[in-house]
């Protein structure tokens, strides 16, 4: 089962389309190893090969070694990579598997296994996953199901470079049927909506949203 993923930047509670590093006018002063200053903006970054593509104010583009810049500029480039490329699907595939187990003849518990594969050489720190599990439960066979939600947040100290990291959500318990035949009650788990949230050094937050199943309705099961 594939999952639906959205990439958004959250700044002061306002969602915008990209990190400041993607803005065509977001030039900054870079310093090379010899202390010379030049106004550039980052266009593309390849940490694995120690290369960054930058653009000058005259729109000329250059691909140079990241290590040729000052230490502070190298940190900025890594932050740019984190905000613009690292948590994209091609660099950080995310999968969700639904796990259901029977507690007894009348109940079952459903949780979700979230797996993240960091394919890059850049670790992700200060991350957390916020999620909402949507489910319903009727207490009697003749009751209309009640829509319910379980909202939680899990902190991840680090998503190591080149490794697979996983976590299991809390579970929700629903009735498969009641203990007595005269009171049959049913429950169902509709899915889960998640956000991977990463805090940058300037306190901006970027997040990527993903769901299980892929077609989970935004209107019926909105983010809250």
Protein backbone atom coordinates (compact mmCIF):
# COMPACT_ATOMS: atom_id res chain seq x y z
CA UNK A 1 0.00 0.00 0.00
CA UNK A 2 1.50 3.33 -1.06
CA UNK A 3 1.17 6.41 1.11
CA UNK A 4 0.42 10.01 0.17
CA UNK A 5 3.09 12.55 1.01
CA UNK A 6 3.13 16.35 1.06
CA UNK A 7 6.14 18.63 1.69
CA UNK A 8 5.44 21.96 3.40
CA UNK A 9 7.33 24.52 5.44
CA UNK A 10 5.78 25.88 8.58
CA UNK A 11 7.02 29.31 9.67
CA UNK A 12 5.34 31.06 12.60
CA UNK A 13 2.22 29.01 12.01
CA UNK A 14 1.90 29.91 8.33
CA UNK A 15 2.29 27.28 5.62
CA UNK A 16 4.26 28.34 2.57
CA UNK A 17 5.58 26.40 -0.39
CA UNK A 18 9.31 26.29 0.17
CA UNK A 19 12.22 27.16 2.41
CA UNK A 20 13.81 30.57 2.08
CA UNK A 21 16.78 28.97 0.32
CA UNK A 22 14.59 28.32 -2.71
CA UNK A 23 13.68 31.98 -3.19
CA UNK A 24 15.29 33.41 -6.32
CA UNK A 25 16.24 36.58 -4.44
CA UNK A 26 17.60 34.83 -1.34
CA UNK A 27 21.26 35.62 -1.91
CA UNK A 28 23.70 35.73 0.98
CA UNK A 29 27.36 36.49 1.44
CA UNK A 30 29.56 33.41 1.30
CA UNK A 31 33.17 33.32 2.43
CA UNK A 32 35.71 31.02 0.86
CA UNK A 33 38.58 29.40 2.74
CA UNK A 34 40.77 32.46 2.10
CA UNK A 35 38.27 34.95 3.51
CA UNK A 36 37.04 36.34 0.20
CA UNK A 37 33.36 37.33 0.10
CA UNK A 38 30.91 36.72 -2.73
CA UNK A 39 27.13 37.03 -3.00
CA UNK A 40 25.57 33.68 -3.92
CA UNK A 41 22.46 31.57 -3.55
CA UNK A 42 22.33 27.78 -3.29
CA UNK A 43 20.61 26.01 -6.17
CA UNK A 44 21.50 22.34 -5.67
CA UNK A 45 23.45 20.33 -3.14
CA UNK A 46 25.17 16.93 -3.27
CA UNK A 47 26.61 16.15 0.14
CA UNK A 48 27.72 12.69 -0.92
CA UNK A 49 30.16 14.16 -3.45
CA UNK A 50 30.92 17.34 -1.46
CA UNK A 51 29.45 19.53 -4.20
CA UNK A 52 27.10 22.48 -4.22
CA UNK A 53 25.72 24.40 -7.19
CA UNK A 54 25.47 28.13 -6.52
CA UNK A 55 24.29 31.08 -8.55
CA UNK A 56 25.87 34.53 -8.67
CA UNK A 57 23.89 37.75 -8.97
CA UNK A 58 24.71 37.83 -12.70
CA UNK A 59 22.86 34.46 -12.94
CA UNK A 60 26.01 32.51 -13.70
CA UNK A 61 25.98 29.10 -12.00
CA UNK A 62 28.98 27.30 -10.56
CA UNK A 63 29.45 23.87 -9.02
CA UNK A 64 32.12 23.91 -6.33
CA UNK A 65 33.31 21.93 -3.35
CA UNK A 66 31.30 22.49 -0.18
CA UNK A 67 34.53 22.23 1.78
CA UNK A 68 35.91 25.26 -0.09
CA UNK A 69 33.61 27.54 1.94
CA UNK A 70 33.95 28.68 5.53
CA UNK A 71 32.67 26.48 8.35
CA UNK A 72 29.59 28.66 8.91
CA UNK A 73 28.76 28.55 5.18
CA UNK A 74 29.14 24.77 5.19
CA UNK A 75 26.61 24.58 8.02
CA UNK A 76 24.24 26.84 6.07
CA UNK A 77 24.55 24.56 3.02
CA UNK A 78 23.72 21.51 5.14
CA UNK A 79 20.68 23.33 6.54
CA UNK A 80 19.61 24.26 3.02
CA UNK A 81 19.91 20.62 2.00
CA UNK A 82 17.84 19.55 4.99
CA UNK A 83 15.09 22.06 4.24
CA UNK A 84 14.98 21.63 0.48
CA UNK A 85 16.02 18.09 -0.36
CA UNK A 86 16.67 15.78 2.58
CA UNK A 87 13.11 15.01 3.62
CA UNK A 88 11.87 14.58 0.05
CA UNK A 89 10.69 11.10 -0.94
CA UNK A 90 13.73 10.26 -3.06
CA UNK A 91 16.08 10.89 -0.14
CA UNK A 92 13.84 9.77 2.72
CA UNK A 93 11.30 7.10 1.68
CA UNK A 94 8.60 6.57 4.31
CA UNK A 95 6.33 3.54 4.55
CA UNK A 96 3.48 2.64 6.89
CA UNK A 97 2.23 -0.83 7.75
CA UNK A 98 -0.98 -1.47 9.64
CA UNK A 99 -0.68 -3.92 12.54
CA UNK A 100 -3.77 -5.56 14.01
CA UNK A 101 -3.82 -8.06 16.86
CA UNK A 102 -6.70 -9.73 18.70
CA UNK A 103 -6.84 -8.87 22.37
CA UNK A 104 -9.61 -11.39 22.97
CA UNK A 105 -12.74 -12.67 21.21
CA UNK A 106 -14.40 -9.27 21.47
CA UNK A 107 -11.58 -6.76 20.94
CA UNK A 108 -8.74 -6.05 18.57
CA UNK A 109 -5.95 -3.49 18.74
CA UNK A 110 -4.62 -1.62 15.73
CA UNK A 111 -1.34 0.29 15.57
CA UNK A 112 0.91 1.45 12.71
CA UNK A 113 4.58 0.76 12.01
CA UNK A 114 6.24 3.83 10.45
CA UNK A 115 9.57 3.18 8.70
CA UNK A 116 11.94 5.89 7.48
CA UNK A 117 14.95 5.15 5.27
CA UNK A 118 17.55 7.91 5.23
CA UNK A 119 19.41 7.37 1.95
CA UNK A 120 21.73 10.33 2.39
CA UNK A 121 24.93 11.03 4.33
CA UNK A 122 23.19 13.69 6.44
CA UNK A 123 21.62 12.69 9.75
CA UNK A 124 18.30 14.26 10.70
CA UNK A 125 18.17 15.55 14.26
CA UNK A 126 15.50 17.28 16.36
CA UNK A 127 12.72 15.41 14.57
CA UNK A 128 9.34 14.28 15.75
CA UNK A 129 6.33 12.55 14.25
CA UNK A 130 2.89 13.84 15.10
CA UNK A 131 0.00 11.59 14.15
CA UNK A 132 -3.76 11.16 14.36
CA UNK A 133 -5.42 7.74 14.14
CA UNK A 134 -9.04 7.93 12.97
CA UNK A 135 -11.43 5.18 14.05
CA UNK A 136 -15.07 4.56 14.93
CA UNK A 137 -16.90 2.48 17.50
CA UNK A 138 -20.49 1.54 18.22
CA UNK A 139 -21.30 0.27 21.67
CA UNK A 140 -24.41 -1.70 20.67
CA UNK A 141 -25.54 -3.35 17.47
CA UNK A 142 -28.26 -0.74 16.98
CA UNK A 143 -26.08 2.30 17.77
CA UNK A 144 -24.65 4.58 15.12
CA UNK A 145 -20.83 4.41 15.17
CA UNK A 146 -19.09 7.21 17.03
CA UNK A 147 -16.13 8.80 15.24
CA UNK A 148 -13.03 8.93 17.43
CA UNK A 149 -9.42 10.07 17.18
CA UNK A 150 -6.16 9.28 18.91
CA UNK A 151 -3.61 12.11 18.63
CA UNK A 152 -0.01 11.56 19.73
CA UNK A 153 3.52 12.79 19.16
CA UNK A 154 6.73 10.74 19.14
CA UNK A 155 10.17 12.34 19.41
CA UNK A 156 13.10 11.02 17.41
CA UNK A 157 16.51 12.05 18.68
CA UNK A 158 18.11 11.20 15.34
CA UNK A 159 17.38 9.58 12.00
CA UNK A 160 20.92 8.39 11.22
CA UNK A 161 22.44 8.83 7.78
CA UNK A 162 22.29 5.72 5.63
CA UNK A 163 20.09 3.82 8.07
CA UNK A 164 16.52 2.66 8.49
CA UNK A 165 14.61 3.91 11.53
CA UNK A 166 11.16 2.83 12.61
CA UNK A 167 8.63 3.46 15.32
CA UNK A 168 5.30 1.94 16.28
CA UNK A 169 2.39 4.21 17.15
CA UNK A 170 0.13 3.76 20.12
CA UNK A 171 -2.71 1.38 19.45
CA UNK A 172 -6.45 1.94 19.35
CA UNK A 173 -8.80 -0.73 20.64
CA UNK A 174 -12.11 -1.47 18.97
CA UNK A 175 -14.82 -4.04 19.57
CA UNK A 176 -15.16 -6.77 17.00
CA UNK A 177 -18.32 -7.87 18.79
CA UNK A 178 -19.57 -7.64 22.34
CA UNK A 179 -19.35 -10.45 24.87
CA UNK A 180 -23.06 -11.16 24.57
CA UNK A 181 -24.92 -12.02 21.40
CA UNK A 182 -27.69 -9.56 22.24
CA UNK A 183 -25.29 -6.62 22.13
CA UNK A 184 -23.20 -6.92 19.02
CA UNK A 185 -21.03 -3.86 18.51
CA UNK A 186 -18.55 -3.13 15.75
CA UNK A 187 -15.57 -0.87 15.31
CA UNK A 188 -13.30 0.14 12.43
CA UNK A 189 -9.99 1.91 11.99
CA UNK A 190 -10.05 4.27 8.98
CA UNK A 191 -6.37 5.23 8.85
CA UNK A 192 -3.65 7.53 10.10
CA UNK A 193 -2.43 11.01 9.17
CA UNK A 194 1.18 11.85 10.10
CA UNK A 195 3.64 14.70 9.98
CA UNK A 196 7.40 14.38 10.18
CA UNK A 197 8.51 17.68 11.71
CA UNK A 198 12.12 18.86 11.79
CA UNK A 199 13.28 21.99 13.59
CA UNK A 200 16.06 23.96 11.91
CA UNK A 201 18.71 25.96 13.73
CA UNK A 202 16.85 29.23 13.07
CA UNK A 203 13.76 27.76 14.79
CA UNK A 204 11.86 27.39 11.54
CA UNK A 205 10.09 24.05 11.18
CA UNK A 206 9.72 22.00 8.04
CA UNK A 207 7.33 19.09 7.82
CA UNK A 208 6.26 16.37 5.49
CA UNK A 209 2.76 14.95 5.68
CA UNK A 210 1.92 11.34 4.86
CA UNK A 211 -1.11 9.10 5.32
CA UNK A 212 -2.28 5.52 5.36
CA UNK A 213 -4.12 4.63 3.26
CA UNK A 214 -3.07 6.91 0.44
CA UNK A 215 -6.65 7.95 -0.30
CA UNK A 216 -7.47 9.04 3.25
CA UNK A 217 -9.95 11.91 2.84
CA UNK A 218 -8.73 15.38 3.84
CA UNK A 219 -12.31 16.54 4.38
CA UNK A 220 -13.56 13.59 6.38
CA UNK A 221 -10.33 13.09 8.33
CA UNK A 222 -8.66 16.52 8.51
CA UNK A 223 -5.50 17.48 10.32
CA UNK A 224 -6.27 19.13 13.68
